[in-house]
Every structure is written in structure tokens, then in C-alpha cells.
Amino acid sequence: MKKRIVFAGGDKRQVYAARKLLKYGYEVYLAGLDNTETEIPAMENFYDADIIVLPVTGLKDGFIPSHYSDKELKIDVDKLRGKQVFMGKAQTLNAHEAVVFDLLKSEYFAQANALPSAEGAVMVALQNYEGTVKGARCLVIGYGRIGKVLSQILRALGARVSVATRSKKKAEIIESDGNTPIDTLKLTSLRGYDIVFNTADALVLDSGVLRNSDSSTLIIDLASVPGGVDFKTAEKLGFKAVHALGLPGRYSPRTAGEIISDTILKVLKEE
């Protein structure tokens, strides 16, 4: 007998993930997604499910974020006993009696999510940069999964791409990939760049770097809260600095949702 799975809260990613699992024969429900048009039935008490899928963004102050419901969904950790829970930022859920799988710690999820994240970053650039990406002088800080894919897309669009890294080994790879490597530790200014994308989970663009830079440079920060940019200083100096979070859910919900469902399927099959 297939397990009952409920997707509680979140955004359109949850709906697309639910649809894919439905095709695999699972008994699938939604909760806290009342304002979406879908064929998937709602579950009034989502604790009745065997598997509960919470948002990739995690919980906020004990509530389940839901972009498609007028009701607040408060989590009751006592009712999660014996349940299997999939979510992002599992540290926001203090439930010792549940089996919790953190999607963000899955290598498969991270690799697959790099492309929609990178494409979303380019979309943010297109919406906020007044020039064309072709010919733009772009700096990508960090050469992890997202940084690598992002630099490939920017180069394909005709941008002049530099990549900052602290790793000498990665610097060699960056150069062999057709980009200009920059030592992050020597990054003291953003002068000469039209668009800067930060993917590093560290305060790289601090007040010192920003004060030594030209405020006409567009800054797009992809790092999780608190980010890698001193946003207060950036605002004071007149920079357009965008903290671009949740890009897959915003620009590629179908693909991002199917990545969630594929990750869940991999875990369930391994069991």
C-alpha cells in the first residue's frame, strides 16, 4: 500500500511536486494551498498523512509559510511523532519524534537545483540591469554548483565573465572553463564590473569593498539570509542590491517542484 503524502504550505513548487508523485501512484494531498487551481484534493488535518512535505524555505516562527492560503498554518510538533517529514532548513523544526529529511542537504537536490537557481539569477539581472547582458562585465563570486552553471549561462549570452574564488585549484578550473579567475581575498573593489552575482555564504561585499566601488554596479546576492552583502551600506551608497532568494520557486516552479518530488522518490526507493 502506497503511503499518503501531503504537501503543506509553500508555493507552486509544492503543487508540481505533488502532481509528479500522483503519477507514481501515491495518495497525494495538499494543505495550506487553498488558492491554487489543482486537481489534487485538500487534506483538512495534514497530520493524518504518513509523509509530510513542508516548504524548502523551512518554517518561520513556528508557522508554515504558505503563499496560496489566507489561513495561518501553525506547526504542532507533538503531532509529528512517527511521521516522515521532508523540508528545507530542518533546523527550523524542533521535532525529535519525527524522521526529518533536509532537502537542502541532499547532494542530488543541490546539483539539480543549481540550474533553475542560475537561470533565475539571470532573470533578476535582466529585470534590473539597464543594459544588455551581452558585453556586460560580470563578476560571479564563488564557483560552487550555482556559480559554475551561472558563469556558463552568462558566457553563452556573450557576457565577459570573471569568477572570484579563494581556491587555487578552482582558479585553474575557472580559467580552463573560459572565465577570468579572481582571488576573493584580493577583492577590494567592484569597479569595472556592471553586474556582480554573489553565491558565497559569507560577508564578501562588506562596507570596505562597497565604499571603494562605483554605485552604478548592480549587485545580486544569491546567498541565504543574512547574505554576503552589507545591504545597509549598499543602500546608503546608492547601490541597487537585490537579495534574490527562492529563485527556483519564483521563475521555474515546475522544474523546481519536480526536483523536490524526484528527491523524495529517491529516498523512498532507498528505503
C-alpha atoms as a PDB file:
ATOM      1  CA  MET A   1       0.000   0.000   0.000  1.00  0.00           C
ATOM      2  CA  LYS A   2       1.351   3.372  -1.044  1.00  0.00           C
ATOM      3  CA  LYS A   3       1.917   5.932   1.678  1.00  0.00           C
ATOM      4  CA  ARG A   4      -0.280   9.017   1.976  1.00  0.00           C
ATOM      5  CA  ILE A   5       1.724  12.152   1.238  1.00  0.00           C
ATOM      6  CA  VAL A   6       0.626  15.713   1.992  1.00  0.00           C
ATOM      7  CA  PHE A   7       2.330  18.873   0.765  1.00  0.00           C
ATOM      8  CA  ALA A   8       1.712  21.534   3.396  1.00  0.00           C
ATOM      9  CA  GLY A   9       2.212  25.229   2.676  1.00  0.00           C
ATOM     10  CA  GLY A  10       4.866  26.658   0.403  1.00  0.00           C
ATOM     11  CA  ASP A  11       4.381  27.828  -3.171  1.00  0.00           C
ATOM     12  CA  LYS A  12       3.764  26.412  -6.648  1.00  0.00           C
ATOM     13  CA  ARG A  13       6.724  24.074  -6.287  1.00  0.00           C
ATOM     14  CA  GLN A  14       4.647  22.018  -3.862  1.00  0.00           C
ATOM     15  CA  VAL A  15       1.815  21.663  -6.364  1.00  0.00           C
ATOM     16  CA  TYR A  16       4.104  20.468  -9.171  1.00  0.00           C
ATOM     17  CA  ALA A  17       5.899  18.089  -6.821  1.00  0.00           C
ATOM     18  CA  ALA A  18       2.555  16.654  -5.704  1.00  0.00           C
ATOM     19  CA  ARG A  19       1.432  16.152  -9.304  1.00  0.00           C
ATOM     20  CA  LYS A  20       4.505  14.134 -10.154  1.00  0.00           C
ATOM     21  CA  LEU A  21       4.131  11.870  -7.124  1.00  0.00           C
ATOM     22  CA  LEU A  22       0.483  11.392  -8.051  1.00  0.00           C
ATOM     23  CA  LYS A  23       1.643   9.917 -11.358  1.00  0.00           C
ATOM     24  CA  TYR A  24       3.672   7.367  -9.441  1.00  0.00           C
ATOM     25  CA  GLY A  25       0.544   6.101  -7.736  1.00  0.00           C
ATOM     26  CA  TYR A  26       0.936   7.744  -4.358  1.00  0.00           C
ATOM     27  CA  GLU A  27      -2.078   9.020  -2.460  1.00  0.00           C
ATOM     28  CA  VAL A  28      -1.294  12.735  -2.545  1.00  0.00           C
ATOM     29  CA  TYR A  29      -2.957  15.706  -0.838  1.00  0.00           C
ATOM     30  CA  LEU A  30      -2.388  19.436  -0.364  1.00  0.00           C
ATOM     31  CA  ALA A  31      -2.789  21.587   2.744  1.00  0.00           C
ATOM     32  CA  GLY A  32      -2.476  25.341   3.034  1.00  0.00           C
ATOM     33  CA  LEU A  33      -2.636  25.773  -0.733  1.00  0.00           C
ATOM     34  CA  ASP A  34      -6.314  26.706  -0.959  1.00  0.00           C
ATOM     35  CA  ASN A  35      -5.893  29.404  -3.594  1.00  0.00           C
ATOM     36  CA  THR A  36      -4.353  27.182  -6.252  1.00  0.00           C
ATOM     37  CA  GLU A  37      -6.263  25.611  -9.116  1.00  0.00           C
ATOM     38  CA  THR A  38      -5.422  21.934  -8.998  1.00  0.00           C
ATOM     39  CA  GLU A  39      -6.981  18.500  -9.259  1.00  0.00           C
ATOM     40  CA  ILE A  40      -5.230  17.338  -6.086  1.00  0.00           C
ATOM     41  CA  PRO A  41      -7.577  17.093  -3.081  1.00  0.00           C
ATOM     42  CA  ALA A  42      -7.048  19.031   0.129  1.00  0.00           C
ATOM     43  CA  MET A  43      -6.398  17.318   3.453  1.00  0.00           C
ATOM     44  CA  GLU A  44      -8.122  19.116   6.322  1.00  0.00           C
ATOM     45  CA  ASN A  45      -5.857  17.657   9.007  1.00  0.00           C
ATOM     46  CA  PHE A  46      -2.500  17.136   7.341  1.00  0.00           C
ATOM     47  CA  TYR A  47      -1.186  15.217  10.364  1.00  0.00           C
ATOM     48  CA  ASP A  48      -3.286  12.287   9.096  1.00  0.00           C
ATOM     49  CA  ALA A  49      -0.724  11.708   6.337  1.00  0.00           C
ATOM     50  CA  ASP A  50       2.203   9.290   6.593  1.00  0.00           C
ATOM     51  CA  ILE A  51       4.605  11.688   4.917  1.00  0.00           C
ATOM     52  CA  ILE A  52       4.504  15.473   5.314  1.00  0.00           C
ATOM     53  CA  VAL A  53       6.359  17.704   2.876  1.00  0.00           C
ATOM     54  CA  LEU A  54       6.996  21.192   4.238  1.00  0.00           C
ATOM     55  CA  PRO A  55       8.428  24.136   2.241  1.00  0.00           C
ATOM     56  CA  VAL A  56      12.038  24.186   1.077  1.00  0.00           C
ATOM     57  CA  THR A  57      12.289  27.570   2.800  1.00  0.00           C
ATOM     58  CA  GLY A  58      11.640  25.962   6.195  1.00  0.00           C
ATOM     59  CA  LEU A  59       9.393  27.254   8.972  1.00  0.00           C
ATOM     60  CA  LYS A  60       9.080  30.815  10.209  1.00  0.00           C
ATOM     61  CA  ASP A  61       8.478  31.375  13.927  1.00  0.00           C
ATOM     62  CA  GLY A  62       6.649  28.071  14.268  1.00  0.00           C
ATOM     63  CA  PHE A  63       4.403  28.648  11.252  1.00  0.00           C
ATOM     64  CA  ILE A  64       4.426  27.012   7.820  1.00  0.00           C
ATOM     65  CA  PRO A  65       4.828  29.720   5.152  1.00  0.00           C
ATOM     66  CA  SER A  66       2.070  29.495   2.566  1.00  0.00           C
ATOM     67  CA  HIS A  67       1.798  31.842  -0.396  1.00  0.00           C
ATOM     68  CA  TYR A  68      -1.550  30.446  -1.533  1.00  0.00           C
ATOM     69  CA  SER A  69      -3.712  30.454   1.572  1.00  0.00           C
ATOM     70  CA  ASP A  70      -5.474  33.067   3.684  1.00  0.00           C
ATOM     71  CA  LYS A  71      -5.119  30.868   6.769  1.00  0.00           C
ATOM     72  CA  GLU A  72      -2.101  30.589   9.029  1.00  0.00           C
ATOM     73  CA  LEU A  73      -0.632  27.104   9.393  1.00  0.00           C
ATOM     74  CA  LYS A  74       0.917  26.645  12.813  1.00  0.00           C
ATOM     75  CA  ILE A  75       3.043  23.545  13.237  1.00  0.00           C
ATOM     76  CA  ASP A  76       2.273  21.184  16.115  1.00  0.00           C
ATOM     77  CA  VAL A  77       5.465  19.180  16.657  1.00  0.00           C
ATOM     78  CA  ASP A  78       3.748  16.724  19.008  1.00  0.00           C
ATOM     79  CA  LYS A  79       1.559  15.549  16.141  1.00  0.00           C
ATOM     80  CA  LEU A  80       4.624  14.776  14.024  1.00  0.00           C
ATOM     81  CA  ARG A  81       5.579  11.761  16.123  1.00  0.00           C
ATOM     82  CA  GLY A  82       6.249   8.785  13.896  1.00  0.00           C
ATOM     83  CA  LYS A  83       5.822  10.869  10.743  1.00  0.00           C
ATOM     84  CA  GLN A  84       8.312  11.179   7.910  1.00  0.00           C
ATOM     85  CA  VAL A  85       8.983  14.835   7.123  1.00  0.00           C
ATOM     86  CA  PHE A  86      10.695  16.331   4.073  1.00  0.00           C
ATOM     87  CA  MET A  87      11.619  20.022   4.135  1.00  0.00           C
ATOM     88  CA  GLY A  88      14.383  22.570   3.736  1.00  0.00           C
ATOM     89  CA  LYS A  89      16.184  24.179   6.676  1.00  0.00           C
ATOM     90  CA  ALA A  90      15.287  21.336   9.009  1.00  0.00           C
ATOM     91  CA  GLN A  91      16.849  23.227  11.915  1.00  0.00           C
ATOM     92  CA  THR A  92      13.697  25.394  11.983  1.00  0.00           C
ATOM     93  CA  LEU A  93      11.673  22.331  13.029  1.00  0.00           C
ATOM     94  CA  ASN A  94      12.250  21.236  16.619  1.00  0.00           C
ATOM     95  CA  ALA A  95      10.668  17.796  16.413  1.00  0.00           C
ATOM     96  CA  HIS A  96      12.603  14.918  17.945  1.00  0.00           C
ATOM     97  CA  GLU A  97       9.972  12.255  17.367  1.00  0.00           C
ATOM     98  CA  ALA A  98       9.771  12.681  13.569  1.00  0.00           C
ATOM     99  CA  VAL A  99      12.064  11.324  10.862  1.00  0.00           C
ATOM    100  CA  VAL A 100      13.165  14.525   9.155  1.00  0.00           C
ATOM    101  CA  PHE A 101      14.981  14.686   5.812  1.00  0.00           C
ATOM    102  CA  ASP A 102      16.531  18.059   4.963  1.00  0.00           C
ATOM    103  CA  LEU A 103      16.210  18.561   1.207  1.00  0.00           C
ATOM    104  CA  LEU A 104      18.893  21.239   1.212  1.00  0.00           C
ATOM    105  CA  LYS A 105      21.456  18.735   2.493  1.00  0.00           C
ATOM    106  CA  SER A 106      20.813  16.323  -0.364  1.00  0.00           C
ATOM    107  CA  GLU A 107      23.616  16.299  -2.949  1.00  0.00           C
ATOM    108  CA  TYR A 108      21.155  15.283  -5.659  1.00  0.00           C
ATOM    109  CA  PHE A 109      18.806  18.147  -4.779  1.00  0.00           C
ATOM    110  CA  ALA A 110      21.631  20.696  -4.683  1.00  0.00           C
ATOM    111  CA  GLN A 111      23.048  19.610  -8.041  1.00  0.00           C
ATOM    112  CA  ALA A 112      19.656  19.567  -9.762  1.00  0.00           C
ATOM    113  CA  ASN A 113      18.594  22.889  -8.228  1.00  0.00           C
ATOM    114  CA  ALA A 114      21.684  24.720  -9.487  1.00  0.00           C
ATOM    115  CA  LEU A 115      20.281  25.263 -12.990  1.00  0.00           C
ATOM    116  CA  PRO A 116      16.919  26.856 -12.028  1.00  0.00           C
ATOM    117  CA  SER A 117      18.764  28.958  -9.433  1.00  0.00           C
ATOM    118  CA  ALA A 118      21.269  30.189 -12.016  1.00  0.00           C
ATOM    119  CA  GLU A 119      18.582  30.868 -14.626  1.00  0.00           C
ATOM    120  CA  GLY A 120      16.604  32.779 -12.006  1.00  0.00           C
ATOM    121  CA  ALA A 121      19.667  34.906 -11.229  1.00  0.00           C
ATOM    122  CA  VAL A 122      19.945  35.829 -14.911  1.00  0.00           C
ATOM    123  CA  MET A 123      16.249  36.755 -14.913  1.00  0.00           C
ATOM    124  CA  VAL A 124      16.840  39.095 -11.960  1.00  0.00           C
ATOM    125  CA  ALA A 125      19.719  40.678 -13.883  1.00  0.00           C
ATOM    126  CA  LEU A 126      17.572  41.175 -16.977  1.00  0.00           C
ATOM    127  CA  GLN A 127      14.873  42.854 -14.887  1.00  0.00           C
ATOM    128  CA  ASN A 128      17.234  45.201 -13.055  1.00  0.00           C
ATOM    129  CA  TYR A 129      20.146  45.925 -15.401  1.00  0.00           C
ATOM    130  CA  GLU A 130      19.545  48.710 -17.905  1.00  0.00           C
ATOM    131  CA  GLY A 131      21.963  47.342 -20.458  1.00  0.00           C
ATOM    132  CA  THR A 132      22.232  44.013 -22.248  1.00  0.00           C
ATOM    133  CA  VAL A 133      23.893  41.001 -20.701  1.00  0.00           C
ATOM    134  CA  LYS A 134      25.817  40.563 -23.938  1.00  0.00           C
ATOM    135  CA  GLY A 135      29.008  42.521 -23.490  1.00  0.00           C
ATOM    136  CA  ALA A 136      28.358  43.196 -19.800  1.00  0.00           C
ATOM    137  CA  ARG A 137      31.283  42.845 -17.413  1.00  0.00           C
ATOM    138  CA  CYS A 138      30.061  40.280 -14.882  1.00  0.00           C
ATOM    139  CA  LEU A 139      31.658  39.027 -11.694  1.00  0.00           C
ATOM    140  CA  VAL A 140      30.485  35.772 -10.117  1.00  0.00           C
ATOM    141  CA  ILE A 141      31.670  35.294  -6.536  1.00  0.00           C
ATOM    142  CA  GLY A 142      32.019  31.620  -5.702  1.00  0.00           C
ATOM    143  CA  TYR A 143      32.431  28.642  -8.039  1.00  0.00           C
ATOM    144  CA  GLY A 144      30.234  26.048  -6.427  1.00  0.00           C
ATOM    145  CA  ARG A 145      27.301  24.355  -8.133  1.00  0.00           C
ATOM    146  CA  ILE A 146      25.369  27.567  -8.834  1.00  0.00           C
ATOM    147  CA  GLY A 147      28.402  29.724  -9.593  1.00  0.00           C
ATOM    148  CA  LYS A 148      29.650  27.301 -12.219  1.00  0.00           C
ATOM    149  CA  VAL A 149      26.315  26.986 -14.039  1.00  0.00           C
ATOM    150  CA  LEU A 150      25.695  30.735 -13.772  1.00  0.00           C
ATOM    151  CA  SER A 151      29.044  31.590 -15.338  1.00  0.00           C
ATOM    152  CA  GLN A 152      28.300  29.176 -18.206  1.00  0.00           C
ATOM    153  CA  ILE A 153      24.949  30.837 -18.920  1.00  0.00           C
ATOM    154  CA  LEU A 154      26.408  34.354 -18.741  1.00  0.00           C
ATOM    155  CA  ARG A 155      29.233  33.418 -21.087  1.00  0.00           C
ATOM    156  CA  ALA A 156      26.759  31.843 -23.524  1.00  0.00           C
ATOM    157  CA  LEU A 157      24.850  35.143 -23.528  1.00  0.00           C
ATOM    158  CA  GLY A 158      28.011  36.985 -24.501  1.00  0.00           C
ATOM    159  CA  ALA A 159      28.961  38.476 -21.139  1.00  0.00           C
ATOM    160  CA  ARG A 160      32.580  38.965 -20.100  1.00  0.00           C
ATOM    161  CA  VAL A 161      32.795  36.787 -17.033  1.00  0.00           C
ATOM    162  CA  SER A 162      35.209  36.886 -14.097  1.00  0.00           C
ATOM    163  CA  VAL A 163      34.878  34.489 -11.184  1.00  0.00           C
ATOM    164  CA  ALA A 164      36.170  35.061  -7.660  1.00  0.00           C
ATOM    165  CA  THR A 165      37.343  32.131  -5.571  1.00  0.00           C
ATOM    166  CA  ARG A 166      39.664  31.505  -2.636  1.00  0.00           C
ATOM    167  CA  SER A 167      40.761  28.154  -4.027  1.00  0.00           C
ATOM    168  CA  LYS A 168      43.861  27.982  -6.246  1.00  0.00           C
ATOM    169  CA  LYS A 169      42.644  24.661  -7.626  1.00  0.00           C
ATOM    170  CA  LYS A 170      39.280  26.151  -8.586  1.00  0.00           C
ATOM    171  CA  ALA A 171      41.051  29.157 -10.118  1.00  0.00           C
ATOM    172  CA  GLU A 172      42.707  26.813 -12.607  1.00  0.00           C
ATOM    173  CA  ILE A 173      39.345  25.232 -13.444  1.00  0.00           C
ATOM    174  CA  ILE A 174      37.732  28.665 -13.805  1.00  0.00           C
ATOM    175  CA  GLU A 175      40.375  29.684 -16.318  1.00  0.00           C
ATOM    176  CA  SER A 176      40.116  26.422 -18.253  1.00  0.00           C
ATOM    177  CA  ASP A 177      36.348  26.957 -18.414  1.00  0.00           C
ATOM    178  CA  GLY A 178      36.922  30.249 -20.248  1.00  0.00           C
ATOM    179  CA  ASN A 179      36.477  32.686 -17.352  1.00  0.00           C
ATOM    180  CA  THR A 180      38.889  35.105 -15.708  1.00  0.00           C
ATOM    181  CA  PRO A 181      39.808  33.943 -12.179  1.00  0.00           C
ATOM    182  CA  ILE A 182      39.960  36.481  -9.329  1.00  0.00           C
ATOM    183  CA  ASP A 183      41.278  35.898  -5.799  1.00  0.00           C
ATOM    184  CA  THR A 184      38.376  36.604  -3.432  1.00  0.00           C
ATOM    185  CA  LEU A 185      40.803  37.650  -0.700  1.00  0.00           C
ATOM    186  CA  LYS A 186      42.140  40.371  -3.010  1.00  0.00           C
ATOM    187  CA  LEU A 187      38.701  41.648  -3.975  1.00  0.00           C
ATOM    188  CA  THR A 188      38.767  45.207  -2.602  1.00  0.00           C
ATOM    189  CA  SER A 189      36.553  46.930  -5.159  1.00  0.00           C
ATOM    190  CA  LEU A 190      33.808  46.257  -7.702  1.00  0.00           C
ATOM    191  CA  ARG A 191      34.993  48.940 -10.080  1.00  0.00           C
ATOM    192  CA  GLY A 192      34.987  47.751 -13.670  1.00  0.00           C
ATOM    193  CA  TYR A 193      32.027  45.405 -13.252  1.00  0.00           C
ATOM    194  CA  ASP A 194      28.487  46.048 -14.478  1.00  0.00           C
ATOM    195  CA  ILE A 195      26.828  43.151 -12.613  1.00  0.00           C
ATOM    196  CA  VAL A 196      28.072  41.229  -9.597  1.00  0.00           C
ATOM    197  CA  PHE A 197      26.498  37.933  -8.533  1.00  0.00           C
ATOM    198  CA  ASN A 198      27.356  36.606  -5.087  1.00  0.00           C
ATOM    199  CA  THR A 199      26.875  32.902  -4.377  1.00  0.00           C
ATOM    200  CA  ALA A 200      29.144  32.677  -1.328  1.00  0.00           C
ATOM    201  CA  ASP A 201      27.620  32.189   2.142  1.00  0.00           C
ATOM    202  CA  ALA A 202      29.930  34.745   3.731  1.00  0.00           C
ATOM    203  CA  LEU A 203      30.090  38.532   4.022  1.00  0.00           C
ATOM    204  CA  VAL A 204      32.215  39.147   0.939  1.00  0.00           C
ATOM    205  CA  LEU A 205      30.890  42.557  -0.084  1.00  0.00           C
ATOM    206  CA  ASP A 206      31.382  44.410   3.171  1.00  0.00           C
ATOM    207  CA  SER A 207      31.367  48.166   3.771  1.00  0.00           C
ATOM    208  CA  GLY A 208      35.049  48.451   2.832  1.00  0.00           C
ATOM    209  CA  VAL A 209      34.570  46.898  -0.601  1.00  0.00           C
ATOM    210  CA  LEU A 210      31.371  48.854  -1.256  1.00  0.00           C
ATOM    211  CA  ARG A 211      32.850  52.221  -0.277  1.00  0.00           C
ATOM    212  CA  ASN A 212      35.684  51.595  -2.703  1.00  0.00           C
ATOM    213  CA  SER A 213      33.289  50.782  -5.561  1.00  0.00           C
ATOM    214  CA  ASP A 214      31.084  52.526  -8.110  1.00  0.00           C
ATOM    215  CA  SER A 215      27.413  52.516  -7.082  1.00  0.00           C
ATOM    216  CA  SER A 216      26.346  52.011 -10.706  1.00  0.00           C
ATOM    217  CA  THR A 217      27.260  48.313 -10.353  1.00  0.00           C
ATOM    218  CA  LEU A 218      24.230  46.066  -9.969  1.00  0.00           C
ATOM    219  CA  ILE A 219      24.617  43.573  -7.106  1.00  0.00           C
ATOM    220  CA  ILE A 220      22.621  40.346  -6.986  1.00  0.00           C
ATOM    221  CA  ASP A 221      23.057  38.243  -3.853  1.00  0.00           C
ATOM    222  CA  LEU A 222      22.003  34.588  -4.049  1.00  0.00           C
ATOM    223  CA  ALA A 223      23.281  33.583  -0.613  1.00  0.00           C
ATOM    224  CA  SER A 224      20.898  32.556   2.154  1.00  0.00           C
ATOM    225  CA  VAL A 225      19.981  35.007   4.916  1.00  0.00           C
ATOM    226  CA  PRO A 226      21.831  37.098   6.060  1.00  0.00           C
ATOM    227  CA  GLY A 227      23.558  37.030   2.681  1.00  0.00           C
ATOM    228  CA  GLY A 228      27.009  38.054   1.536  1.00  0.00           C
ATOM    229  CA  VAL A 229      26.366  41.785   1.135  1.00  0.00           C
ATOM    230  CA  ASP A 230      26.295  44.653   3.633  1.00  0.00           C
ATOM    231  CA  PHE A 231      22.873  45.788   2.437  1.00  0.00           C
ATOM    232  CA  LYS A 232      22.642  48.767   4.807  1.00  0.00           C
ATOM    233  CA  THR A 233      25.852  50.273   3.473  1.00  0.00           C
ATOM    234  CA  ALA A 234      24.852  49.411  -0.093  1.00  0.00           C
ATOM    235  CA  GLU A 235      21.589  51.321   0.343  1.00  0.00           C
ATOM    236  CA  LYS A 236      23.334  54.344   1.862  1.00  0.00           C
ATOM    237  CA  LEU A 237      25.786  54.471  -1.036  1.00  0.00           C
ATOM    238  CA  GLY A 238      23.046  54.227  -3.661  1.00  0.00           C
ATOM    239  CA  PHE A 239      23.710  50.713  -4.957  1.00  0.00           C
ATOM    240  CA  LYS A 240      20.920  48.659  -6.451  1.00  0.00           C
ATOM    241  CA  ALA A 241      21.463  45.499  -4.415  1.00  0.00           C
ATOM    242  CA  VAL A 242      18.958  42.662  -4.752  1.00  0.00           C
ATOM    243  CA  HIS A 243      18.805  39.796  -2.266  1.00  0.00           C
ATOM    244  CA  ALA A 244      17.423  37.221  -4.673  1.00  0.00           C
ATOM    245  CA  LEU A 245      16.049  34.329  -2.615  1.00  0.00           C
ATOM    246  CA  GLY A 246      13.785  31.440  -3.653  1.00  0.00           C
ATOM    247  CA  LEU A 247      14.540  31.895  -7.357  1.00  0.00           C
ATOM    248  CA  PRO A 248      13.565  28.372  -8.485  1.00  0.00           C
ATOM    249  CA  GLY A 249      10.131  28.747  -6.901  1.00  0.00           C
ATOM    250  CA  ARG A 250       9.637  32.153  -8.465  1.00  0.00           C
ATOM    251  CA  TYR A 251      10.852  31.552 -12.018  1.00  0.00           C
ATOM    252  CA  SER A 252      10.877  27.758 -12.532  1.00  0.00           C
ATOM    253  CA  PRO A 253       8.265  26.280 -10.172  1.00  0.00           C
ATOM    254  CA  ARG A 254       7.542  23.236 -12.327  1.00  0.00           C
ATOM    255  CA  THR A 255      11.179  22.190 -12.662  1.00  0.00           C
ATOM    256  CA  ALA A 256      11.914  23.057  -9.022  1.00  0.00           C
ATOM    257  CA  GLY A 257       8.847  21.122  -7.868  1.00  0.00           C
ATOM    258  CA  GLU A 258       9.828  18.056  -9.858  1.00  0.00           C
ATOM    259  CA  ILE A 259      13.299  18.201  -8.305  1.00  0.00           C
ATOM    260  CA  ILE A 260      11.613  18.038  -4.892  1.00  0.00           C
ATOM    261  CA  SER A 261       9.491  15.049  -5.912  1.00  0.00           C
ATOM    262  CA  ASP A 262      12.468  13.282  -7.527  1.00  0.00           C
ATOM    263  CA  THR A 263      14.485  13.715  -4.321  1.00  0.00           C
ATOM    264  CA  ILE A 264      11.623  12.290  -2.262  1.00  0.00           C
ATOM    265  CA  LEU A 265      11.264   9.348  -4.665  1.00  0.00           C
ATOM    266  CA  LYS A 266      14.979   8.568  -4.396  1.00  0.00           C
ATOM    267  CA  VAL A 267      14.763   8.497  -0.605  1.00  0.00           C
ATOM    268  CA  LEU A 268      11.609   6.348  -0.577  1.00  0.00           C
ATOM    269  CA  LYS A 269      13.106   3.857  -3.057  1.00  0.00           C
ATOM    270  CA  GLU A 270      16.268   3.550  -0.971  1.00  0.00           C
ATOM    271  CA  GLU A 271      14.090   2.612   2.000  1.00  0.00           C
END
